[in-house]
Amino acid sequence: MQKKVILLFLATTIVATGCGPDTSTYTVAYYKEHREERKQKLEQCVNDPGRLRNDPLCINAHEADFDDAVGDLRKLPPIGLKEAAEEHKREHRKRLDAAATK
C-alpha cells in the first residue's frame, strides 16, 4: 500500500512538472523579433509587478525592450566625463587666480 502511494505521488509530480506552456523559447532574442508579443507581456508585467517582478518572461521582455530603445551600451561612444571634469578644473583655477590677483 505504501509503495502504491509513493508511486502515485511520484507519477503525479512528474506529470505536474511537465504541464504548462513551454516558456524556454521566449528569450530576449525572441521578444526582440516579436514586438507585439513583447508589448502584451510588458503590459501584464506592469499591471502586476508584485507577482511578476521576478518572472523570467517579464525580465526577458523588459531586456528586449531596453535593447531596442537604447541598444548595446558597450557600443555607445564615450560621453566625455573626463574631458568635462578637466575643463571644469581649468575654469575653477582661472576663477581662483582671478580672485587672488584682485
PDB file of N, CA and C in Angstrom:
ATOM      1  N   MET A   1       0.824  -1.191   0.000  1.00  0.00           N
ATOM      2  CA  MET A   1       0.000   0.000   0.000  1.00  0.00           C
ATOM      3  C   MET A   1       0.869   1.255   0.000  1.00  0.00           C
ATOM      4  N   GLN A   2       1.898   1.257   0.843  1.00  0.00           N
ATOM      5  CA  GLN A   2       2.766   2.415   0.950  1.00  0.00           C
ATOM      6  C   GLN A   2       3.527   2.641  -0.372  1.00  0.00           C
ATOM      7  N   LYS A   3       3.923   1.565  -1.041  1.00  0.00           N
ATOM      8  CA  LYS A   3       4.626   1.692  -2.315  1.00  0.00           C
ATOM      9  C   LYS A   3       3.709   2.303  -3.366  1.00  0.00           C
ATOM     10  N   LYS A   4       2.431   1.944  -3.341  1.00  0.00           N
ATOM     11  CA  LYS A   4       1.482   2.485  -4.310  1.00  0.00           C
ATOM     12  C   LYS A   4       1.301   3.995  -4.099  1.00  0.00           C
ATOM     13  N   VAL A   5       1.252   4.411  -2.846  1.00  0.00           N
ATOM     14  CA  VAL A   5       1.098   5.836  -2.541  1.00  0.00           C
ATOM     15  C   VAL A   5       2.329   6.604  -3.012  1.00  0.00           C
ATOM     16  N   ILE A   6       3.496   6.060  -2.771  1.00  0.00           N
ATOM     17  CA  ILE A   6       4.740   6.716  -3.193  1.00  0.00           C
ATOM     18  C   ILE A   6       4.802   6.784  -4.715  1.00  0.00           C
ATOM     19  N   LEU A   7       4.470   5.706  -5.392  1.00  0.00           N
ATOM     20  CA  LEU A   7       4.482   5.700  -6.854  1.00  0.00           C
ATOM     21  C   LEU A   7       3.458   6.687  -7.427  1.00  0.00           C
ATOM     22  N   LEU A   8       2.292   6.728  -6.817  1.00  0.00           N
ATOM     23  CA  LEU A   8       1.265   7.667  -7.262  1.00  0.00           C
ATOM     24  C   LEU A   8       1.740   9.110  -7.074  1.00  0.00           C
ATOM     25  N   PHE A   9       2.363   9.388  -5.939  1.00  0.00           N
ATOM     26  CA  PHE A   9       2.893  10.725  -5.665  1.00  0.00           C
ATOM     27  C   PHE A   9       3.961  11.097  -6.687  1.00  0.00           C
ATOM     28  N   LEU A  10       4.889  10.188  -6.955  1.00  0.00           N
ATOM     29  CA  LEU A  10       5.952  10.462  -7.924  1.00  0.00           C
ATOM     30  C   LEU A  10       5.383  10.674  -9.327  1.00  0.00           C
ATOM     31  N   ALA A  11       4.432   9.842  -9.705  1.00  0.00           N
ATOM     32  CA  ALA A  11       3.826   9.977 -11.027  1.00  0.00           C
ATOM     33  C   ALA A  11       3.103  11.314 -11.157  1.00  0.00           C
ATOM     34  N   THR A  12       2.392  11.711 -10.131  1.00  0.00           N
ATOM     35  CA  THR A  12       1.681  12.991 -10.143  1.00  0.00           C
ATOM     36  C   THR A  12       2.669  14.147 -10.236  1.00  0.00           C
ATOM     37  N   THR A  13       3.755  14.063  -9.502  1.00  0.00           N
ATOM     38  CA  THR A  13       4.774  15.111  -9.522  1.00  0.00           C
ATOM     39  C   THR A  13       5.401  15.223 -10.899  1.00  0.00           C
ATOM     40  N   ILE A  14       5.720  14.106 -11.500  1.00  0.00           N
ATOM     41  CA  ILE A  14       6.342  14.119 -12.824  1.00  0.00           C
ATOM     42  C   ILE A  14       5.386  14.696 -13.861  1.00  0.00           C
ATOM     43  N   VAL A  15       4.148  14.314 -13.813  1.00  0.00           N
ATOM     44  CA  VAL A  15       3.163  14.822 -14.760  1.00  0.00           C
ATOM     45  C   VAL A  15       2.924  16.316 -14.537  1.00  0.00           C
ATOM     46  N   ALA A  16       2.852  16.745 -13.301  1.00  0.00           N
ATOM     47  CA  ALA A  16       2.579  18.152 -12.995  1.00  0.00           C
ATOM     48  C   ALA A  16       3.719  19.053 -13.445  1.00  0.00           C
ATOM     49  N   THR A  17       4.949  18.588 -13.354  1.00  0.00           N
ATOM     50  CA  THR A  17       6.072  19.426 -13.769  1.00  0.00           C
ATOM     51  C   THR A  17       6.123  19.556 -15.282  1.00  0.00           C
ATOM     52  N   GLY A  18       5.533  18.658 -15.998  1.00  0.00           N
ATOM     53  CA  GLY A  18       5.513  18.732 -17.455  1.00  0.00           C
ATOM     54  C   GLY A  18       4.370  19.559 -17.994  1.00  0.00           C
ATOM     55  N   CYS A  19       3.467  20.013 -17.146  1.00  0.00           N
ATOM     56  CA  CYS A  19       2.310  20.784 -17.595  1.00  0.00           C
ATOM     57  C   CYS A  19       2.669  22.256 -17.723  1.00  0.00           C
ATOM     58  N   GLY A  20       1.851  22.954 -18.479  1.00  0.00           N
ATOM     59  CA  GLY A  20       2.049  24.390 -18.626  1.00  0.00           C
ATOM     60  C   GLY A  20       2.752  24.713 -19.920  1.00  0.00           C
ATOM     61  N   PRO A  21       2.734  25.993 -20.298  1.00  0.00           N
ATOM     62  CA  PRO A  21       3.351  26.399 -21.554  1.00  0.00           C
ATOM     63  C   PRO A  21       4.867  26.298 -21.484  1.00  0.00           C
ATOM     64  N   ASP A  22       5.463  26.021 -22.619  1.00  0.00           N
ATOM     65  CA  ASP A  22       6.923  25.960 -22.692  1.00  0.00           C
ATOM     66  C   ASP A  22       7.448  27.378 -22.829  1.00  0.00           C
ATOM     67  N   THR A  23       8.003  27.895 -21.754  1.00  0.00           N
ATOM     68  CA  THR A  23       8.470  29.279 -21.748  1.00  0.00           C
ATOM     69  C   THR A  23       9.941  29.403 -22.108  1.00  0.00           C
ATOM     70  N   SER A  24      10.611  28.297 -22.357  1.00  0.00           N
ATOM     71  CA  SER A  24      12.043  28.361 -22.640  1.00  0.00           C
ATOM     72  C   SER A  24      12.325  29.041 -23.975  1.00  0.00           C
ATOM     73  N   THR A  25      11.333  29.125 -24.861  1.00  0.00           N
ATOM     74  CA  THR A  25      11.563  29.738 -26.163  1.00  0.00           C
ATOM     75  C   THR A  25      11.406  31.247 -26.142  1.00  0.00           C
ATOM     76  N   TYR A  26      10.874  31.804 -25.074  1.00  0.00           N
ATOM     77  CA  TYR A  26      10.653  33.240 -25.004  1.00  0.00           C
ATOM     78  C   TYR A  26      11.878  33.945 -24.432  1.00  0.00           C
ATOM     79  N   THR A  27      12.915  34.013 -25.237  1.00  0.00           N
ATOM     80  CA  THR A  27      14.172  34.635 -24.836  1.00  0.00           C
ATOM     81  C   THR A  27      14.148  36.117 -25.197  1.00  0.00           C
ATOM     82  N   VAL A  28      15.200  36.812 -24.860  1.00  0.00           N
ATOM     83  CA  VAL A  28      15.323  38.219 -25.230  1.00  0.00           C
ATOM     84  C   VAL A  28      15.294  38.341 -26.755  1.00  0.00           C
ATOM     85  N   ALA A  29      16.015  37.456 -27.430  1.00  0.00           N
ATOM     86  CA  ALA A  29      16.037  37.490 -28.892  1.00  0.00           C
ATOM     87  C   ALA A  29      14.639  37.262 -29.471  1.00  0.00           C
ATOM     88  N   TYR A  30      13.876  36.365 -28.853  1.00  0.00           N
ATOM     89  CA  TYR A  30      12.513  36.104 -29.310  1.00  0.00           C
ATOM     90  C   TYR A  30      11.664  37.363 -29.189  1.00  0.00           C
ATOM     91  N   TYR A  31      11.726  38.009 -28.027  1.00  0.00           N
ATOM     92  CA  TYR A  31      10.923  39.209 -27.814  1.00  0.00           C
ATOM     93  C   TYR A  31      11.380  40.370 -28.693  1.00  0.00           C
ATOM     94  N   LYS A  32      12.654  40.413 -29.064  1.00  0.00           N
ATOM     95  CA  LYS A  32      13.120  41.445 -29.977  1.00  0.00           C
ATOM     96  C   LYS A  32      12.476  41.277 -31.355  1.00  0.00           C
ATOM     97  N   GLU A  33      12.295  40.042 -31.769  1.00  0.00           N
ATOM     98  CA  GLU A  33      11.713  39.754 -33.080  1.00  0.00           C
ATOM     99  C   GLU A  33      10.190  39.824 -33.075  1.00  0.00           C
ATOM    100  N   HIS A  34       9.559  39.636 -31.922  1.00  0.00           N
ATOM    101  CA  HIS A  34       8.096  39.609 -31.822  1.00  0.00           C
ATOM    102  C   HIS A  34       7.619  40.762 -30.943  1.00  0.00           C
ATOM    103  N   ARG A  35       7.578  41.937 -31.518  1.00  0.00           N
ATOM    104  CA  ARG A  35       7.277  43.151 -30.750  1.00  0.00           C
ATOM    105  C   ARG A  35       5.873  43.151 -30.153  1.00  0.00           C
ATOM    106  N   GLU A  36       4.902  42.637 -30.886  1.00  0.00           N
ATOM    107  CA  GLU A  36       3.525  42.651 -30.376  1.00  0.00           C
ATOM    108  C   GLU A  36       3.401  41.766 -29.137  1.00  0.00           C
ATOM    109  N   GLU A  37       4.030  40.591 -29.175  1.00  0.00           N
ATOM    110  CA  GLU A  37       4.003  39.710 -28.001  1.00  0.00           C
ATOM    111  C   GLU A  37       4.761  40.339 -26.839  1.00  0.00           C
ATOM    112  N   ARG A  38       5.861  41.021 -27.154  1.00  0.00           N
ATOM    113  CA  ARG A  38       6.630  41.716 -26.109  1.00  0.00           C
ATOM    114  C   ARG A  38       5.763  42.798 -25.461  1.00  0.00           C
ATOM    115  N   LYS A  39       5.054  43.556 -26.284  1.00  0.00           N
ATOM    116  CA  LYS A  39       4.189  44.615 -25.761  1.00  0.00           C
ATOM    117  C   LYS A  39       3.120  44.035 -24.840  1.00  0.00           C
ATOM    118  N   GLN A  40       2.513  42.936 -25.251  1.00  0.00           N
ATOM    119  CA  GLN A  40       1.481  42.306 -24.421  1.00  0.00           C
ATOM    120  C   GLN A  40       2.065  41.814 -23.099  1.00  0.00           C
ATOM    121  N   LYS A  41       3.241  41.196 -23.154  1.00  0.00           N
ATOM    122  CA  LYS A  41       3.877  40.682 -21.936  1.00  0.00           C
ATOM    123  C   LYS A  41       4.242  41.836 -21.006  1.00  0.00           C
ATOM    124  N   LEU A  42       4.771  42.918 -21.558  1.00  0.00           N
ATOM    125  CA  LEU A  42       5.137  44.065 -20.723  1.00  0.00           C
ATOM    126  C   LEU A  42       3.909  44.684 -20.056  1.00  0.00           C
ATOM    127  N   GLU A  43       2.782  44.709 -20.758  1.00  0.00           N
ATOM    128  CA  GLU A  43       1.553  45.218 -20.147  1.00  0.00           C
ATOM    129  C   GLU A  43       1.138  44.351 -18.963  1.00  0.00           C
ATOM    130  N   GLN A  44       1.260  43.037 -19.113  1.00  0.00           N
ATOM    131  CA  GLN A  44       0.945  42.133 -17.998  1.00  0.00           C
ATOM    132  C   GLN A  44       1.892  42.393 -16.829  1.00  0.00           C
ATOM    133  N   CYS A  45       3.160  42.539 -17.125  1.00  0.00           N
ATOM    134  CA  CYS A  45       4.167  42.721 -16.074  1.00  0.00           C
ATOM    135  C   CYS A  45       3.965  44.043 -15.334  1.00  0.00           C
ATOM    136  N   VAL A  46       3.616  45.095 -16.069  1.00  0.00           N
ATOM    137  CA  VAL A  46       3.414  46.399 -15.456  1.00  0.00           C
ATOM    138  C   VAL A  46       2.146  46.391 -14.608  1.00  0.00           C
ATOM    139  N   ASN A  47       1.130  45.655 -15.044  1.00  0.00           N
ATOM    140  CA  ASN A  47      -0.129  45.613 -14.305  1.00  0.00           C
ATOM    141  C   ASN A  47      -0.051  44.800 -13.020  1.00  0.00           C
ATOM    142  N   ASP A  48       0.929  43.916 -12.898  1.00  0.00           N
ATOM    143  CA  ASP A  48       1.043  43.085 -11.693  1.00  0.00           C
ATOM    144  C   ASP A  48       2.513  42.931 -11.281  1.00  0.00           C
ATOM    145  N   PRO A  49       3.183  44.043 -10.936  1.00  0.00           N
ATOM    146  CA  PRO A  49       4.614  43.955 -10.603  1.00  0.00           C
ATOM    147  C   PRO A  49       4.894  43.192  -9.316  1.00  0.00           C
ATOM    148  N   GLY A  50       3.953  43.172  -8.418  1.00  0.00           N
ATOM    149  CA  GLY A  50       4.182  42.453  -7.164  1.00  0.00           C
ATOM    150  C   GLY A  50       4.358  40.963  -7.377  1.00  0.00           C
ATOM    151  N   ARG A  51       3.632  40.419  -8.324  1.00  0.00           N
ATOM    152  CA  ARG A  51       3.707  38.984  -8.574  1.00  0.00           C
ATOM    153  C   ARG A  51       4.682  38.646  -9.698  1.00  0.00           C
ATOM    154  N   LEU A  52       4.839  39.549 -10.662  1.00  0.00           N
ATOM    155  CA  LEU A  52       5.606  39.222 -11.866  1.00  0.00           C
ATOM    156  C   LEU A  52       6.962  39.912 -11.960  1.00  0.00           C
ATOM    157  N   ARG A  53       7.357  40.628 -10.922  1.00  0.00           N
ATOM    158  CA  ARG A  53       8.630  41.365 -10.967  1.00  0.00           C
ATOM    159  C   ARG A  53       9.816  40.475 -11.317  1.00  0.00           C
ATOM    160  N   ASN A  54       9.866  39.285 -10.741  1.00  0.00           N
ATOM    161  CA  ASN A  54      10.999  38.390 -10.975  1.00  0.00           C
ATOM    162  C   ASN A  54      10.681  37.279 -11.963  1.00  0.00           C
ATOM    163  N   ASP A  55       9.583  37.420 -12.701  1.00  0.00           N
ATOM    164  CA  ASP A  55       9.210  36.420 -13.686  1.00  0.00           C
ATOM    165  C   ASP A  55      10.207  36.460 -14.851  1.00  0.00           C
ATOM    166  N   PRO A  56      10.776  35.316 -15.236  1.00  0.00           N
ATOM    167  CA  PRO A  56      11.770  35.310 -16.317  1.00  0.00           C
ATOM    168  C   PRO A  56      11.245  35.900 -17.622  1.00  0.00           C
ATOM    169  N   LEU A  57       9.977  35.691 -17.922  1.00  0.00           N
ATOM    170  CA  LEU A  57       9.429  36.234 -19.161  1.00  0.00           C
ATOM    171  C   LEU A  57       9.330  37.759 -19.107  1.00  0.00           C
ATOM    172  N   CYS A  58       8.985  38.292 -17.945  1.00  0.00           N
ATOM    173  CA  CYS A  58       8.940  39.749 -17.788  1.00  0.00           C
ATOM    174  C   CYS A  58      10.340  40.337 -17.925  1.00  0.00           C
ATOM    175  N   ILE A  59      11.300  39.682 -17.336  1.00  0.00           N
ATOM    176  CA  ILE A  59      12.685  40.156 -17.424  1.00  0.00           C
ATOM    177  C   ILE A  59      13.157  40.128 -18.869  1.00  0.00           C
ATOM    178  N   ASN A  60      12.877  39.039 -19.583  1.00  0.00           N
ATOM    179  CA  ASN A  60      13.298  38.934 -20.977  1.00  0.00           C
ATOM    180  C   ASN A  60      12.614  39.979 -21.850  1.00  0.00           C
ATOM    181  N   ALA A  61      11.316  40.199 -21.631  1.00  0.00           N
ATOM    182  CA  ALA A  61      10.592  41.208 -22.410  1.00  0.00           C
ATOM    183  C   ALA A  61      11.144  42.603 -22.117  1.00  0.00           C
ATOM    184  N   HIS A  62      11.432  42.873 -20.858  1.00  0.00           N
ATOM    185  CA  HIS A  62      11.989  44.177 -20.483  1.00  0.00           C
ATOM    186  C   HIS A  62      13.365  44.386 -21.111  1.00  0.00           C
ATOM    187  N   GLU A  63      14.206  43.375 -21.060  1.00  0.00           N
ATOM    188  CA  GLU A  63      15.549  43.488 -21.647  1.00  0.00           C
ATOM    189  C   GLU A  63      15.468  43.714 -23.155  1.00  0.00           C
ATOM    190  N   ALA A  64      14.564  43.010 -23.831  1.00  0.00           N
ATOM    191  CA  ALA A  64      14.397  43.196 -25.274  1.00  0.00           C
ATOM    192  C   ALA A  64      13.928  44.611 -25.572  1.00  0.00           C
ATOM    193  N   ASP A  65      13.025  45.126 -24.761  1.00  0.00           N
ATOM    194  CA  ASP A  65      12.524  46.476 -24.944  1.00  0.00           C
ATOM    195  C   ASP A  65      13.633  47.497 -24.709  1.00  0.00           C
ATOM    196  N   PHE A  66      14.433  47.284 -23.680  1.00  0.00           N
ATOM    197  CA  PHE A  66      15.558  48.179 -23.373  1.00  0.00           C
ATOM    198  C   PHE A  66      16.570  48.164 -24.513  1.00  0.00           C
ATOM    199  N   ASP A  67      16.893  46.964 -25.026  1.00  0.00           N
ATOM    200  CA  ASP A  67      17.853  46.862 -26.124  1.00  0.00           C
ATOM    201  C   ASP A  67      17.356  47.593 -27.369  1.00  0.00           C
ATOM    202  N   ASP A  68      16.059  47.498 -27.647  1.00  0.00           N
ATOM    203  CA  ASP A  68      15.515  48.216 -28.798  1.00  0.00           C
ATOM    204  C   ASP A  68      15.551  49.719 -28.589  1.00  0.00           C
ATOM    205  N   ALA A  69      15.312  50.156 -27.367  1.00  0.00           N
ATOM    206  CA  ALA A  69      15.270  51.585 -27.083  1.00  0.00           C
ATOM    207  C   ALA A  69      16.662  52.206 -27.035  1.00  0.00           C
ATOM    208  N   VAL A  70      17.593  51.528 -26.379  1.00  0.00           N
ATOM    209  CA  VAL A  70      18.923  52.090 -26.146  1.00  0.00           C
ATOM    210  C   VAL A  70      19.978  51.438 -27.019  1.00  0.00           C
ATOM    211  N   GLY A  71      19.860  50.152 -27.205  1.00  0.00           N
ATOM    212  CA  GLY A  71      20.886  49.412 -27.917  1.00  0.00           C
ATOM    213  C   GLY A  71      21.924  48.894 -26.950  1.00  0.00           C
ATOM    214  N   ASP A  72      23.006  48.420 -27.477  1.00  0.00           N
ATOM    215  CA  ASP A  72      24.080  47.864 -26.660  1.00  0.00           C
ATOM    216  C   ASP A  72      24.902  49.010 -26.078  1.00  0.00           C
ATOM    217  N   LEU A  73      24.917  49.120 -24.768  1.00  0.00           N
ATOM    218  CA  LEU A  73      25.637  50.217 -24.116  1.00  0.00           C
ATOM    219  C   LEU A  73      27.132  50.178 -24.397  1.00  0.00           C
ATOM    220  N   ARG A  74      27.670  48.996 -24.675  1.00  0.00           N
ATOM    221  CA  ARG A  74      29.099  48.891 -24.965  1.00  0.00           C
ATOM    222  C   ARG A  74      29.460  49.533 -26.299  1.00  0.00           C
ATOM    223  N   LYS A  75      28.476  49.704 -27.172  1.00  0.00           N
ATOM    224  CA  LYS A  75      28.745  50.279 -28.490  1.00  0.00           C
ATOM    225  C   LYS A  75      28.570  51.790 -28.520  1.00  0.00           C
ATOM    226  N   LEU A  76      28.121  52.373 -27.413  1.00  0.00           N
ATOM    227  CA  LEU A  76      27.939  53.818 -27.371  1.00  0.00           C
ATOM    228  C   LEU A  76      29.294  54.517 -27.279  1.00  0.00           C
ATOM    229  N   PRO A  77      29.420  55.693 -27.872  1.00  0.00           N
ATOM    230  CA  PRO A  77      30.685  56.422 -27.763  1.00  0.00           C
ATOM    231  C   PRO A  77      30.863  56.945 -26.343  1.00  0.00           C
ATOM    232  N   PRO A  78      32.092  57.250 -25.961  1.00  0.00           N
ATOM    233  CA  PRO A  78      32.332  57.808 -24.622  1.00  0.00           C
ATOM    234  C   PRO A  78      31.567  59.117 -24.467  1.00  0.00           C
ATOM    235  N   ILE A  79      31.124  59.379 -23.259  1.00  0.00           N
ATOM    236  CA  ILE A  79      30.316  60.579 -23.041  1.00  0.00           C
ATOM    237  C   ILE A  79      31.161  61.784 -22.633  1.00  0.00           C
ATOM    238  N   GLY A  80      32.451  61.612 -22.483  1.00  0.00           N
ATOM    239  CA  GLY A  80      33.334  62.743 -22.264  1.00  0.00           C
ATOM    240  C   GLY A  80      33.362  63.289 -20.857  1.00  0.00           C
ATOM    241  N   LEU A  81      33.117  62.472 -19.868  1.00  0.00           N
ATOM    242  CA  LEU A  81      33.127  62.979 -18.493  1.00  0.00           C
ATOM    243  C   LEU A  81      34.519  63.412 -18.060  1.00  0.00           C
ATOM    244  N   LYS A  82      35.533  62.696 -18.488  1.00  0.00           N
ATOM    245  CA  LYS A  82      36.895  63.049 -18.093  1.00  0.00           C
ATOM    246  C   LYS A  82      37.274  64.420 -18.656  1.00  0.00           C
ATOM    247  N   GLU A  83      36.954  64.654 -19.925  1.00  0.00           N
ATOM    248  CA  GLU A  83      37.257  65.933 -20.543  1.00  0.00           C
ATOM    249  C   GLU A  83      36.461  67.059 -19.880  1.00  0.00           C
ATOM    250  N   ALA A  84      35.222  66.798 -19.566  1.00  0.00           N
ATOM    251  CA  ALA A  84      34.391  67.814 -18.909  1.00  0.00           C
ATOM    252  C   ALA A  84      34.935  68.142 -17.527  1.00  0.00           C
ATOM    253  N   ALA A  85      35.415  67.141 -16.804  1.00  0.00           N
ATOM    254  CA  ALA A  85      35.976  67.375 -15.472  1.00  0.00           C
ATOM    255  C   ALA A  85      37.256  68.204 -15.568  1.00  0.00           C
ATOM    256  N   GLU A  86      38.074  67.905 -16.560  1.00  0.00           N
ATOM    257  CA  GLU A  86      39.312  68.676 -16.746  1.00  0.00           C
ATOM    258  C   GLU A  86      38.993  70.129 -17.090  1.00  0.00           C
ATOM    259  N   GLU A  87      38.007  70.342 -17.943  1.00  0.00           N
ATOM    260  CA  GLU A  87      37.593  71.702 -18.301  1.00  0.00           C
ATOM    261  C   GLU A  87      37.068  72.451 -17.087  1.00  0.00           C
ATOM    262  N   HIS A  88      36.296  71.763 -16.259  1.00  0.00           N
ATOM    263  CA  HIS A  88      35.772  72.365 -15.039  1.00  0.00           C
ATOM    264  C   HIS A  88      36.918  72.770 -14.112  1.00  0.00           C
ATOM    265  N   LYS A  89      37.933  71.924 -13.979  1.00  0.00           N
ATOM    266  CA  LYS A  89      39.090  72.254 -13.128  1.00  0.00           C
ATOM    267  C   LYS A  89      39.815  73.485 -13.664  1.00  0.00           C
ATOM    268  N   ARG A  90      40.012  73.559 -14.993  1.00  0.00           N
ATOM    269  CA  ARG A  90      40.700  74.720 -15.577  1.00  0.00           C
ATOM    270  C   ARG A  90      39.917  76.009 -15.304  1.00  0.00           C
ATOM    271  N   GLU A  91      38.606  75.951 -15.497  1.00  0.00           N
ATOM    272  CA  GLU A  91      37.769  77.136 -15.247  1.00  0.00           C
ATOM    273  C   GLU A  91      37.819  77.536 -13.774  1.00  0.00           C
ATOM    274  N   HIS A  92      37.805  76.554 -12.909  1.00  0.00           N
ATOM    275  CA  HIS A  92      37.855  76.834 -11.467  1.00  0.00           C
ATOM    276  C   HIS A  92      39.184  77.488 -11.094  1.00  0.00           C
ATOM    277  N   ARG A  93      40.280  76.975 -11.644  1.00  0.00           N
ATOM    278  CA  ARG A  93      41.600  77.563 -11.368  1.00  0.00           C
ATOM    279  C   ARG A  93      41.667  78.998 -11.871  1.00  0.00           C
ATOM    280  N   LYS A  94      41.085  79.259 -13.052  1.00  0.00           N
ATOM    281  CA  LYS A  94      41.092  80.621 -13.577  1.00  0.00           C
ATOM    282  C   LYS A  94      40.349  81.571 -12.633  1.00  0.00           C
ATOM    283  N   ARG A  95      39.209  81.107 -12.133  1.00  0.00           N
ATOM    284  CA  ARG A  95      38.431  81.945 -11.205  1.00  0.00           C
ATOM    285  C   ARG A  95      39.217  82.194  -9.905  1.00  0.00           C
ATOM    286  N   LEU A  96      39.895  81.154  -9.409  1.00  0.00           N
ATOM    287  CA  LEU A  96      40.693  81.312  -8.199  1.00  0.00           C
ATOM    288  C   LEU A  96      41.860  82.265  -8.429  1.00  0.00           C
ATOM    289  N   ASP A  97      42.513  82.132  -9.573  1.00  0.00           N
ATOM    290  CA  ASP A  97      43.643  83.032  -9.878  1.00  0.00           C
ATOM    291  C   ASP A  97      43.145  84.466 -10.039  1.00  0.00           C
ATOM    292  N   ALA A  98      42.009  84.649 -10.689  1.00  0.00           N
ATOM    293  CA  ALA A  98      41.449  85.998 -10.866  1.00  0.00           C
ATOM    294  C   ALA A  98      41.084  86.598  -9.541  1.00  0.00           C
ATOM    295  N   ALA A  99      40.531  85.792  -8.641  1.00  0.00           N
ATOM    296  CA  ALA A  99      40.160  86.307  -7.326  1.00  0.00           C
ATOM    297  C   ALA A  99      41.395  86.637  -6.500  1.00  0.00           C
ATOM    298  N   ALA A 100      42.465  85.871  -6.669  1.00  0.00           N
ATOM    299  CA  ALA A 100      43.696  86.105  -5.892  1.00  0.00           C
ATOM    300  C   ALA A 100      44.413  87.371  -6.349  1.00  0.00           C
ATOM    301  N   THR A 101      44.306  87.736  -7.624  1.00  0.00           N
ATOM    302  CA  THR A 101      45.010  88.917  -8.130  1.00  0.00           C
ATOM    303  C   THR A 101      44.256  90.204  -7.850  1.00  0.00           C
ATOM    304  N   LYS A 102      43.034  90.135  -7.416  1.00  0.00           N
ATOM    305  CA  LYS A 102      42.263  91.362  -7.122  1.00  0.00           C
ATOM    306  C   LYS A 102      42.641  91.955  -5.816  1.00  0.00           C
TER     307      LYS A 102
END
